[in-house]
Amino acid sequence: MLDFFQALRDPDSVFLVYALVTGILASIACGIVGTYVVVRRITYIAGGLAHCVFGGLGAAYYLERVHHWQVYNPIYGWQPLDPLHGAVVAALLAAMIIGFVSLRARQREDTIISALWAIGMAVGVLFVYLTPGYSQDLMSYLFGSILIVSPNDVWFLAVLDALIIAVALLFYKQFLAVCFDEEYARLRGLNVEFYYLLLLCLVALTVVLLVSVVGIILVIALFTLPVAVAGQFTRIFWRIMAVAALLSMVFVTLGLALGYSLGLQPGATTVLVAGATYLLVLVASQARRLAR
């Protein structure tokens, strides 16, 4: 793995630096929002949002390639529409639909999530089919595209990360109340519906960050595994967030290093490192209990 860290200093391997920065940005959001997701037990919603993202990716890719849509970047000026822009729109739209159905409509939550899950993937596949040429870059989002992030992508993901951190910390106590005791929060006059929808929007934005790292298919793993490992060492909520964020950074860095050294897909390698760590910690914890 030393060759990976040596390559980071090579000007010709700047893509590795972008990949590492992207992984760190995603890890911070993952540790904070992932803790809320695990405590609130809405990992299935995160999975549904991840697959809805593919529809937005496909739509943005189609609009840029066929109709040449552009967006304005304060740093780089007018830039071609990036698939990640479509991912953000699709994720937020899906989050609002799921939240509305969960809070207002008389429909089973799992049914609407399954429907959006399938529709999002179908829409993405259709747009890939309608776009001329082979959409290799777009298909890479299924398993993570961290090695092909551009400076423009890093800037965009950094803005998302800053927004997620600011909102999560600003409404820390409100989200805590919604996650642990929704009924008590209502009795205290807290607008539970608003904060639940806001939390789902944070999950949606974090999904977009993680899709760049581990891909649509494996996104749930990075939401849950670092938090699960952190929960073995502390029960204090904010400490779980901090430890989970640090663990995510370690997992992503090791995943990148092993993937680079062994020629493996870095997203899958990251998840395998996280999964192996969780299993080792779980076995060690059970062994300590039996030893007492």
C-alpha atoms as a PDB file:
ATOM      1  CA  MET A   1       0.000   0.000   0.000  1.00  0.00           C
ATOM      2  CA  LEU A   2       3.005   2.301   0.309  1.00  0.00           C
ATOM      3  CA  ASP A   3       2.971   2.852  -3.451  1.00  0.00           C
ATOM      4  CA  PHE A   4      -0.445   4.506  -3.101  1.00  0.00           C
ATOM      5  CA  PHE A   5       0.815   7.089  -0.600  1.00  0.00           C
ATOM      6  CA  GLN A   6       3.928   7.662  -2.718  1.00  0.00           C
ATOM      7  CA  ALA A   7       1.736   8.167  -5.794  1.00  0.00           C
ATOM      8  CA  LEU A   8      -0.192  10.919  -3.987  1.00  0.00           C
ATOM      9  CA  ARG A   9       2.940  13.105  -4.296  1.00  0.00           C
ATOM     10  CA  ASP A  10       3.241  12.449  -8.031  1.00  0.00           C
ATOM     11  CA  PRO A  11       1.841  15.351 -10.146  1.00  0.00           C
ATOM     12  CA  ASP A  12       0.708  12.798 -12.750  1.00  0.00           C
ATOM     13  CA  SER A  13      -1.469  11.039 -10.143  1.00  0.00           C
ATOM     14  CA  VAL A  14      -3.524  14.054  -9.116  1.00  0.00           C
ATOM     15  CA  PHE A  15      -6.663  11.984  -9.708  1.00  0.00           C
ATOM     16  CA  LEU A  16      -5.727  10.009  -6.584  1.00  0.00           C
ATOM     17  CA  VAL A  17      -5.670  13.221  -4.568  1.00  0.00           C
ATOM     18  CA  TYR A  18      -9.138  14.133  -5.872  1.00  0.00           C
ATOM     19  CA  ALA A  19     -10.333  10.631  -4.975  1.00  0.00           C
ATOM     20  CA  LEU A  20      -8.946  10.844  -1.447  1.00  0.00           C
ATOM     21  CA  VAL A  21     -10.444  14.312  -0.874  1.00  0.00           C
ATOM     22  CA  THR A  22     -13.808  13.049  -2.134  1.00  0.00           C
ATOM     23  CA  GLY A  23     -13.625  10.086   0.230  1.00  0.00           C
ATOM     24  CA  ILE A  24     -12.846  12.320   3.198  1.00  0.00           C
ATOM     25  CA  LEU A  25     -15.707  14.690   2.342  1.00  0.00           C
ATOM     26  CA  ALA A  26     -18.123  11.791   2.041  1.00  0.00           C
ATOM     27  CA  SER A  27     -16.855  10.257   5.292  1.00  0.00           C
ATOM     28  CA  ILE A  28     -17.651  13.353   7.339  1.00  0.00           C
ATOM     29  CA  ALA A  29     -21.244  13.473   6.091  1.00  0.00           C
ATOM     30  CA  CYS A  30     -21.537   9.701   6.395  1.00  0.00           C
ATOM     31  CA  GLY A  31     -20.514   9.698  10.057  1.00  0.00           C
ATOM     32  CA  ILE A  32     -22.984  12.444  10.990  1.00  0.00           C
ATOM     33  CA  VAL A  33     -26.019  11.512   8.903  1.00  0.00           C
ATOM     34  CA  GLY A  34     -25.349   7.773   9.037  1.00  0.00           C
ATOM     35  CA  THR A  35     -25.716   7.876  12.821  1.00  0.00           C
ATOM     36  CA  TYR A  36     -29.166   9.433  12.478  1.00  0.00           C
ATOM     37  CA  VAL A  37     -30.079   6.858   9.831  1.00  0.00           C
ATOM     38  CA  VAL A  38     -29.087   3.898  11.997  1.00  0.00           C
ATOM     39  CA  VAL A  39     -30.720   5.246  15.171  1.00  0.00           C
ATOM     40  CA  ARG A  40     -33.934   6.172  13.307  1.00  0.00           C
ATOM     41  CA  ARG A  41     -33.821   2.773  11.535  1.00  0.00           C
ATOM     42  CA  ILE A  42     -34.349   4.196   8.057  1.00  0.00           C
ATOM     43  CA  THR A  43     -31.540   2.402   6.232  1.00  0.00           C
ATOM     44  CA  TYR A  44     -34.120   0.990   3.809  1.00  0.00           C
ATOM     45  CA  ILE A  45     -35.051   4.569   2.896  1.00  0.00           C
ATOM     46  CA  ALA A  46     -31.381   5.313   2.201  1.00  0.00           C
ATOM     47  CA  GLY A  47     -31.281   2.298  -0.099  1.00  0.00           C
ATOM     48  CA  GLY A  48     -34.371   3.474  -1.955  1.00  0.00           C
ATOM     49  CA  LEU A  49     -32.939   6.972  -2.361  1.00  0.00           C
ATOM     50  CA  ALA A  50     -29.667   5.548  -3.671  1.00  0.00           C
ATOM     51  CA  HIS A  51     -31.431   3.707  -6.466  1.00  0.00           C
ATOM     52  CA  CYS A  52     -33.647   6.693  -7.307  1.00  0.00           C
ATOM     53  CA  VAL A  53     -30.433   8.637  -7.859  1.00  0.00           C
ATOM     54  CA  PHE A  54     -29.718   6.578 -10.977  1.00  0.00           C
ATOM     55  CA  GLY A  55     -32.724   8.158 -12.696  1.00  0.00           C
ATOM     56  CA  GLY A  56     -31.334  11.640 -12.031  1.00  0.00           C
ATOM     57  CA  LEU A  57     -27.869  10.607 -13.187  1.00  0.00           C
ATOM     58  CA  GLY A  58     -29.301   9.262 -16.437  1.00  0.00           C
ATOM     59  CA  ALA A  59     -31.481  12.323 -17.060  1.00  0.00           C
ATOM     60  CA  ALA A  60     -28.616  14.778 -16.505  1.00  0.00           C
ATOM     61  CA  TYR A  61     -26.293  12.703 -18.678  1.00  0.00           C
ATOM     62  CA  TYR A  62     -28.872  12.680 -21.479  1.00  0.00           C
ATOM     63  CA  LEU A  63     -29.552  16.431 -21.260  1.00  0.00           C
ATOM     64  CA  GLU A  64     -25.851  17.252 -21.373  1.00  0.00           C
ATOM     65  CA  ARG A  65     -24.918  14.869 -24.192  1.00  0.00           C
ATOM     66  CA  VAL A  66     -27.976  15.397 -26.420  1.00  0.00           C
ATOM     67  CA  HIS A  67     -29.169  18.948 -25.608  1.00  0.00           C
ATOM     68  CA  HIS A  68     -25.839  20.368 -24.299  1.00  0.00           C
ATOM     69  CA  TRP A  69     -27.245  21.786 -21.057  1.00  0.00           C
ATOM     70  CA  GLN A  70     -24.879  23.795 -18.881  1.00  0.00           C
ATOM     71  CA  VAL A  71     -24.797  25.100 -15.311  1.00  0.00           C
ATOM     72  CA  TYR A  72     -22.943  28.066 -13.862  1.00  0.00           C
ATOM     73  CA  ASN A  73     -20.083  27.392 -11.446  1.00  0.00           C
ATOM     74  CA  PRO A  74     -18.840  30.438  -9.465  1.00  0.00           C
ATOM     75  CA  ILE A  75     -15.255  29.173  -9.732  1.00  0.00           C
ATOM     76  CA  TYR A  76     -15.082  27.663 -13.215  1.00  0.00           C
ATOM     77  CA  GLY A  77     -17.862  29.611 -14.988  1.00  0.00           C
ATOM     78  CA  TRP A  78     -20.306  27.850 -17.296  1.00  0.00           C
ATOM     79  CA  GLN A  79     -19.768  24.089 -17.224  1.00  0.00           C
ATOM     80  CA  PRO A  80     -21.510  21.115 -18.875  1.00  0.00           C
ATOM     81  CA  LEU A  81     -24.327  19.665 -16.782  1.00  0.00           C
ATOM     82  CA  ASP A  82     -22.828  17.011 -14.512  1.00  0.00           C
ATOM     83  CA  PRO A  83     -24.651  13.747 -13.717  1.00  0.00           C
ATOM     84  CA  LEU A  84     -24.240  14.599 -10.013  1.00  0.00           C
ATOM     85  CA  HIS A  85     -26.513  17.619 -10.480  1.00  0.00           C
ATOM     86  CA  GLY A  86     -29.271  15.313 -11.669  1.00  0.00           C
ATOM     87  CA  ALA A  87     -28.500  12.974  -8.770  1.00  0.00           C
ATOM     88  CA  VAL A  88     -29.134  15.766  -6.246  1.00  0.00           C
ATOM     89  CA  VAL A  89     -32.487  16.692  -7.816  1.00  0.00           C
ATOM     90  CA  ALA A  90     -33.636  13.065  -8.007  1.00  0.00           C
ATOM     91  CA  ALA A  91     -32.541  12.284  -4.440  1.00  0.00           C
ATOM     92  CA  LEU A  92     -34.271  15.331  -2.938  1.00  0.00           C
ATOM     93  CA  LEU A  93     -37.453  14.712  -4.943  1.00  0.00           C
ATOM     94  CA  ALA A  94     -37.560  11.073  -3.838  1.00  0.00           C
ATOM     95  CA  ALA A  95     -36.921  12.094  -0.212  1.00  0.00           C
ATOM     96  CA  MET A  96     -39.855  14.507  -0.260  1.00  0.00           C
ATOM     97  CA  ILE A  97     -42.171  11.905  -1.824  1.00  0.00           C
ATOM     98  CA  ILE A  98     -41.190   9.242   0.707  1.00  0.00           C
ATOM     99  CA  GLY A  99     -41.543  11.690   3.593  1.00  0.00           C
ATOM    100  CA  PHE A 100     -44.956  12.901   2.439  1.00  0.00           C
ATOM    101  CA  VAL A 101     -46.259   9.357   2.001  1.00  0.00           C
ATOM    102  CA  SER A 102     -44.886   8.335   5.376  1.00  0.00           C
ATOM    103  CA  LEU A 103     -46.426  11.300   7.207  1.00  0.00           C
ATOM    104  CA  ARG A 104     -49.619  12.081   5.313  1.00  0.00           C
ATOM    105  CA  ALA A 105     -50.789   9.450   2.855  1.00  0.00           C
ATOM    106  CA  ARG A 106     -52.426   6.169   3.782  1.00  0.00           C
ATOM    107  CA  GLN A 107     -49.977   4.040   1.884  1.00  0.00           C
ATOM    108  CA  ARG A 108     -47.455   1.542   3.178  1.00  0.00           C
ATOM    109  CA  GLU A 109     -44.048   3.192   3.360  1.00  0.00           C
ATOM    110  CA  ASP A 110     -42.218   0.114   2.107  1.00  0.00           C
ATOM    111  CA  THR A 111     -44.503  -0.042  -0.933  1.00  0.00           C
ATOM    112  CA  ILE A 112     -43.744   3.501  -2.094  1.00  0.00           C
ATOM    113  CA  ILE A 113     -40.012   3.004  -1.438  1.00  0.00           C
ATOM    114  CA  SER A 114     -40.023  -0.175  -3.538  1.00  0.00           C
ATOM    115  CA  ALA A 115     -41.909   1.628  -6.301  1.00  0.00           C
ATOM    116  CA  LEU A 116     -39.482   4.582  -6.348  1.00  0.00           C
ATOM    117  CA  TRP A 117     -36.549   2.165  -6.155  1.00  0.00           C
ATOM    118  CA  ALA A 118     -37.688   0.398  -9.328  1.00  0.00           C
ATOM    119  CA  ILE A 119     -38.855   3.542 -11.158  1.00  0.00           C
ATOM    120  CA  GLY A 120     -35.591   5.372 -10.497  1.00  0.00           C
ATOM    121  CA  MET A 121     -33.504   2.531 -11.914  1.00  0.00           C
ATOM    122  CA  ALA A 122     -35.847   2.139 -14.893  1.00  0.00           C
ATOM    123  CA  VAL A 123     -35.706   5.859 -15.713  1.00  0.00           C
ATOM    124  CA  GLY A 124     -31.923   5.788 -15.532  1.00  0.00           C
ATOM    125  CA  VAL A 125     -31.701   2.757 -17.829  1.00  0.00           C
ATOM    126  CA  LEU A 126     -34.037   4.412 -20.363  1.00  0.00           C
ATOM    127  CA  PHE A 127     -31.984   7.608 -20.493  1.00  0.00           C
ATOM    128  CA  VAL A 128     -28.797   5.568 -20.909  1.00  0.00           C
ATOM    129  CA  TYR A 129     -30.474   3.822 -23.839  1.00  0.00           C
ATOM    130  CA  LEU A 130     -31.584   7.137 -25.390  1.00  0.00           C
ATOM    131  CA  THR A 131     -28.118   8.725 -25.095  1.00  0.00           C
ATOM    132  CA  PRO A 132     -25.889   8.090 -28.138  1.00  0.00           C
ATOM    133  CA  GLY A 133     -22.692   6.179 -27.507  1.00  0.00           C
ATOM    134  CA  TYR A 134     -21.654   3.898 -24.676  1.00  0.00           C
ATOM    135  CA  SER A 135     -22.315   5.409 -21.239  1.00  0.00           C
ATOM    136  CA  GLN A 136     -19.340   3.916 -19.425  1.00  0.00           C
ATOM    137  CA  ASP A 137     -18.934   6.890 -17.075  1.00  0.00           C
ATOM    138  CA  LEU A 138     -22.575   6.750 -16.028  1.00  0.00           C
ATOM    139  CA  MET A 139     -22.594   2.989 -15.445  1.00  0.00           C
ATOM    140  CA  SER A 140     -19.558   3.371 -13.192  1.00  0.00           C
ATOM    141  CA  TYR A 141     -21.803   5.078 -10.625  1.00  0.00           C
ATOM    142  CA  LEU A 142     -23.370   1.688  -9.920  1.00  0.00           C
ATOM    143  CA  PHE A 143     -20.151   0.555  -8.229  1.00  0.00           C
ATOM    144  CA  GLY A 144     -18.502   3.893  -7.451  1.00  0.00           C
ATOM    145  CA  SER A 145     -16.597   6.358  -9.594  1.00  0.00           C
ATOM    146  CA  ILE A 146     -14.210   7.853  -7.064  1.00  0.00           C
ATOM    147  CA  LEU A 147     -11.186   7.590  -9.381  1.00  0.00           C
ATOM    148  CA  ILE A 148     -12.800   9.692 -12.124  1.00  0.00           C
ATOM    149  CA  VAL A 149     -13.952  12.683 -10.046  1.00  0.00           C
ATOM    150  CA  SER A 150     -12.924  16.017 -11.536  1.00  0.00           C
ATOM    151  CA  PRO A 151     -11.973  19.276  -9.762  1.00  0.00           C
ATOM    152  CA  ASN A 152     -15.464  20.524 -10.596  1.00  0.00           C
ATOM    153  CA  ASP A 153     -16.984  17.444  -8.919  1.00  0.00           C
ATOM    154  CA  VAL A 154     -14.811  17.944  -5.829  1.00  0.00           C
ATOM    155  CA  TRP A 155     -15.983  21.556  -5.527  1.00  0.00           C
ATOM    156  CA  PHE A 156     -19.619  20.507  -5.897  1.00  0.00           C
ATOM    157  CA  LEU A 157     -19.285  17.703  -3.335  1.00  0.00           C
ATOM    158  CA  ALA A 158     -17.523  20.062  -0.918  1.00  0.00           C
ATOM    159  CA  VAL A 159     -20.492  22.451  -1.067  1.00  0.00           C
ATOM    160  CA  LEU A 160     -22.890  19.560  -0.391  1.00  0.00           C
ATOM    161  CA  ASP A 161     -20.722  18.387   2.503  1.00  0.00           C
ATOM    162  CA  ALA A 162     -20.604  21.850   4.091  1.00  0.00           C
ATOM    163  CA  LEU A 163     -24.388  22.173   3.769  1.00  0.00           C
ATOM    164  CA  ILE A 164     -24.980  18.759   5.349  1.00  0.00           C
ATOM    165  CA  ILE A 165     -22.647  19.460   8.278  1.00  0.00           C
ATOM    166  CA  ALA A 166     -24.109  22.915   8.923  1.00  0.00           C
ATOM    167  CA  VAL A 167     -27.734  21.739   8.943  1.00  0.00           C
ATOM    168  CA  ALA A 168     -27.008  18.575  10.945  1.00  0.00           C
ATOM    169  CA  LEU A 169     -25.142  20.488  13.662  1.00  0.00           C
ATOM    170  CA  LEU A 170     -27.568  23.410  13.691  1.00  0.00           C
ATOM    171  CA  PHE A 171     -30.540  21.132  14.340  1.00  0.00           C
ATOM    172  CA  TYR A 172     -28.660  18.479  16.329  1.00  0.00           C
ATOM    173  CA  LYS A 173     -31.103  18.384  19.272  1.00  0.00           C
ATOM    174  CA  GLN A 174     -34.199  18.485  17.075  1.00  0.00           C
ATOM    175  CA  PHE A 175     -33.006  15.550  14.974  1.00  0.00           C
ATOM    176  CA  LEU A 176     -32.074  13.718  18.164  1.00  0.00           C
ATOM    177  CA  ALA A 177     -35.618  14.124  19.495  1.00  0.00           C
ATOM    178  CA  VAL A 178     -37.173  12.971  16.226  1.00  0.00           C
ATOM    179  CA  CYS A 179     -34.937   9.890  16.111  1.00  0.00           C
ATOM    180  CA  PHE A 180     -35.303   8.739  19.723  1.00  0.00           C
ATOM    181  CA  ASP A 181     -38.785   9.763  20.887  1.00  0.00           C
ATOM    182  CA  GLU A 182     -41.061  11.171  18.208  1.00  0.00           C
ATOM    183  CA  GLU A 183     -44.175  11.243  20.396  1.00  0.00           C
ATOM    184  CA  TYR A 184     -42.458  13.128  23.213  1.00  0.00           C
ATOM    185  CA  ALA A 185     -41.106  15.591  20.670  1.00  0.00           C
ATOM    186  CA  ARG A 186     -44.662  16.236  19.461  1.00  0.00           C
ATOM    187  CA  LEU A 187     -45.855  16.820  23.026  1.00  0.00           C
ATOM    188  CA  ARG A 188     -43.062  19.361  23.483  1.00  0.00           C
ATOM    189  CA  GLY A 189     -44.361  21.266  20.465  1.00  0.00           C
ATOM    190  CA  LEU A 190     -41.613  20.274  18.030  1.00  0.00           C
ATOM    191  CA  ASN A 191     -42.586  20.294  14.364  1.00  0.00           C
ATOM    192  CA  VAL A 192     -41.747  16.612  13.841  1.00  0.00           C
ATOM    193  CA  GLU A 193     -42.927  16.534  10.223  1.00  0.00           C
ATOM    194  CA  PHE A 194     -40.622  19.387   9.203  1.00  0.00           C
ATOM    195  CA  TYR A 195     -37.542  17.949  10.891  1.00  0.00           C
ATOM    196  CA  TYR A 196     -38.242  14.449   9.585  1.00  0.00           C
ATOM    197  CA  LEU A 197     -38.447  15.776   6.012  1.00  0.00           C
ATOM    198  CA  LEU A 198     -35.299  17.826   6.604  1.00  0.00           C
ATOM    199  CA  LEU A 199     -33.517  14.730   7.893  1.00  0.00           C
ATOM    200  CA  LEU A 200     -34.568  12.795   4.778  1.00  0.00           C
ATOM    201  CA  CYS A 201     -33.166  15.606   2.622  1.00  0.00           C
ATOM    202  CA  LEU A 202     -29.834  15.315   4.470  1.00  0.00           C
ATOM    203  CA  VAL A 203     -29.889  11.568   3.859  1.00  0.00           C
ATOM    204  CA  ALA A 204     -30.574  12.245   0.170  1.00  0.00           C
ATOM    205  CA  LEU A 205     -27.604  14.615  -0.147  1.00  0.00           C
ATOM    206  CA  THR A 206     -25.339  12.196   1.733  1.00  0.00           C
ATOM    207  CA  VAL A 207     -26.418   9.432  -0.641  1.00  0.00           C
ATOM    208  CA  VAL A 208     -25.162  11.572  -3.541  1.00  0.00           C
ATOM    209  CA  LEU A 209     -21.795  11.961  -1.795  1.00  0.00           C
ATOM    210  CA  LEU A 210     -21.508   8.239  -1.089  1.00  0.00           C
ATOM    211  CA  VAL A 211     -22.573   7.242  -4.601  1.00  0.00           C
ATOM    212  CA  SER A 212     -19.361   8.861  -5.847  1.00  0.00           C
ATOM    213  CA  VAL A 213     -17.332   6.735  -3.409  1.00  0.00           C
ATOM    214  CA  VAL A 214     -18.880   3.254  -3.288  1.00  0.00           C
ATOM    215  CA  GLY A 215     -21.652   3.423  -5.880  1.00  0.00           C
ATOM    216  CA  ILE A 216     -25.412   3.004  -5.817  1.00  0.00           C
ATOM    217  CA  ILE A 217     -25.398  -0.713  -5.047  1.00  0.00           C
ATOM    218  CA  LEU A 218     -23.074  -0.530  -2.013  1.00  0.00           C
ATOM    219  CA  VAL A 219     -24.142   2.809  -0.539  1.00  0.00           C
ATOM    220  CA  ILE A 220     -26.043   1.301   2.415  1.00  0.00           C
ATOM    221  CA  ALA A 221     -22.889  -0.416   3.658  1.00  0.00           C
ATOM    222  CA  LEU A 222     -21.037   2.855   4.222  1.00  0.00           C
ATOM    223  CA  PHE A 223     -24.094   4.312   5.950  1.00  0.00           C
ATOM    224  CA  THR A 224     -24.294   1.510   8.497  1.00  0.00           C
ATOM    225  CA  LEU A 225     -20.945  -0.248   9.021  1.00  0.00           C
ATOM    226  CA  PRO A 226     -18.891   2.680  10.420  1.00  0.00           C
ATOM    227  CA  VAL A 227     -21.742   3.556  12.795  1.00  0.00           C
ATOM    228  CA  ALA A 228     -22.091  -0.082  13.839  1.00  0.00           C
ATOM    229  CA  VAL A 229     -18.373  -0.282  14.643  1.00  0.00           C
ATOM    230  CA  ALA A 230     -18.424   3.065  16.468  1.00  0.00           C
ATOM    231  CA  GLY A 231     -21.364   1.863  18.555  1.00  0.00           C
ATOM    232  CA  GLN A 232     -19.183  -0.906  19.972  1.00  0.00           C
ATOM    233  CA  PHE A 233     -16.872   1.672  21.575  1.00  0.00           C
ATOM    234  CA  THR A 234     -19.193   4.413  22.803  1.00  0.00           C
ATOM    235  CA  ARG A 235     -22.878   5.001  23.517  1.00  0.00           C
ATOM    236  CA  ILE A 236     -22.747   8.792  23.534  1.00  0.00           C
ATOM    237  CA  PHE A 237     -24.480  10.053  20.411  1.00  0.00           C
ATOM    238  CA  TRP A 238     -22.081  12.776  19.300  1.00  0.00           C
ATOM    239  CA  ARG A 239     -19.103  10.541  19.953  1.00  0.00           C
ATOM    240  CA  ILE A 240     -20.612   7.855  17.723  1.00  0.00           C
ATOM    241  CA  MET A 241     -20.835  10.475  14.964  1.00  0.00           C
ATOM    242  CA  ALA A 242     -17.196  11.497  15.407  1.00  0.00           C
ATOM    243  CA  VAL A 243     -15.854   7.938  15.598  1.00  0.00           C
ATOM    244  CA  ALA A 244     -17.977   6.850  12.635  1.00  0.00           C
ATOM    245  CA  ALA A 245     -16.656   9.746  10.532  1.00  0.00           C
ATOM    246  CA  LEU A 246     -13.056   8.888  11.415  1.00  0.00           C
ATOM    247  CA  LEU A 247     -13.641   5.205  10.689  1.00  0.00           C
ATOM    248  CA  SER A 248     -15.194   6.065   7.339  1.00  0.00           C
ATOM    249  CA  MET A 249     -12.080   8.050   6.440  1.00  0.00           C
ATOM    250  CA  VAL A 250      -9.889   5.086   7.384  1.00  0.00           C
ATOM    251  CA  PHE A 251     -12.042   2.631   5.410  1.00  0.00           C
ATOM    252  CA  VAL A 252     -12.073   4.824   2.304  1.00  0.00           C
ATOM    253  CA  THR A 253      -8.318   5.441   2.487  1.00  0.00           C
ATOM    254  CA  LEU A 254      -7.559   1.745   2.911  1.00  0.00           C
ATOM    255  CA  GLY A 255     -10.017   0.881   0.159  1.00  0.00           C
ATOM    256  CA  LEU A 256      -8.294   3.295  -2.209  1.00  0.00           C
ATOM    257  CA  ALA A 257      -4.818   2.102  -1.211  1.00  0.00           C
ATOM    258  CA  LEU A 258      -5.656  -1.595  -1.611  1.00  0.00           C
ATOM    259  CA  GLY A 259      -7.555  -0.977  -4.826  1.00  0.00           C
ATOM    260  CA  TYR A 260      -4.646   0.976  -6.293  1.00  0.00           C
ATOM    261  CA  SER A 261      -2.010  -1.547  -5.181  1.00  0.00           C
ATOM    262  CA  LEU A 262      -3.910  -4.708  -6.158  1.00  0.00           C
ATOM    263  CA  GLY A 263      -5.797  -3.382  -9.170  1.00  0.00           C
ATOM    264  CA  LEU A 264      -9.208  -3.821  -7.526  1.00  0.00           C
ATOM    265  CA  GLN A 265     -12.384  -1.740  -7.664  1.00  0.00           C
ATOM    266  CA  PRO A 266     -11.946   0.802  -4.823  1.00  0.00           C
ATOM    267  CA  GLY A 267     -15.649   1.060  -3.895  1.00  0.00           C
ATOM    268  CA  ALA A 268     -16.051  -2.675  -3.349  1.00  0.00           C
ATOM    269  CA  THR A 269     -12.675  -2.836  -1.584  1.00  0.00           C
ATOM    270  CA  THR A 270     -13.762  -0.060   0.792  1.00  0.00           C
ATOM    271  CA  VAL A 271     -16.923  -1.940   1.727  1.00  0.00           C
ATOM    272  CA  LEU A 272     -15.000  -5.190   2.237  1.00  0.00           C
ATOM    273  CA  VAL A 273     -12.554  -3.424   4.574  1.00  0.00           C
ATOM    274  CA  ALA A 274     -15.463  -1.915   6.516  1.00  0.00           C
ATOM    275  CA  GLY A 275     -17.300  -5.243   6.675  1.00  0.00           C
ATOM    276  CA  ALA A 276     -14.224  -7.157   7.823  1.00  0.00           C
ATOM    277  CA  THR A 277     -13.559  -4.559  10.533  1.00  0.00           C
ATOM    278  CA  TYR A 278     -17.142  -4.794  11.774  1.00  0.00           C
ATOM    279  CA  LEU A 279     -16.988  -8.595  11.955  1.00  0.00           C
ATOM    280  CA  LEU A 280     -13.661  -8.509  13.833  1.00  0.00           C
ATOM    281  CA  VAL A 281     -14.949  -5.953  16.321  1.00  0.00           C
ATOM    282  CA  LEU A 282     -18.164  -7.931  16.801  1.00  0.00           C
ATOM    283  CA  VAL A 283     -16.274 -11.187  17.418  1.00  0.00           C
ATOM    284  CA  ALA A 284     -13.905  -9.472  19.835  1.00  0.00           C
ATOM    285  CA  SER A 285     -16.830  -7.939  21.698  1.00  0.00           C
ATOM    286  CA  GLN A 286     -18.591 -11.288  22.044  1.00  0.00           C
ATOM    287  CA  ALA A 287     -15.352 -12.937  23.183  1.00  0.00           C
ATOM    288  CA  ARG A 288     -14.953 -10.326  25.942  1.00  0.00           C
ATOM    289  CA  ARG A 289     -18.497 -10.941  27.144  1.00  0.00           C
ATOM    290  CA  LEU A 290     -17.968 -14.697  27.295  1.00  0.00           C
ATOM    291  CA  ALA A 291     -14.690 -14.222  29.169  1.00  0.00           C
ATOM    292  CA  ARG A 292     -16.376 -12.309  31.983  1.00  0.00           C
END
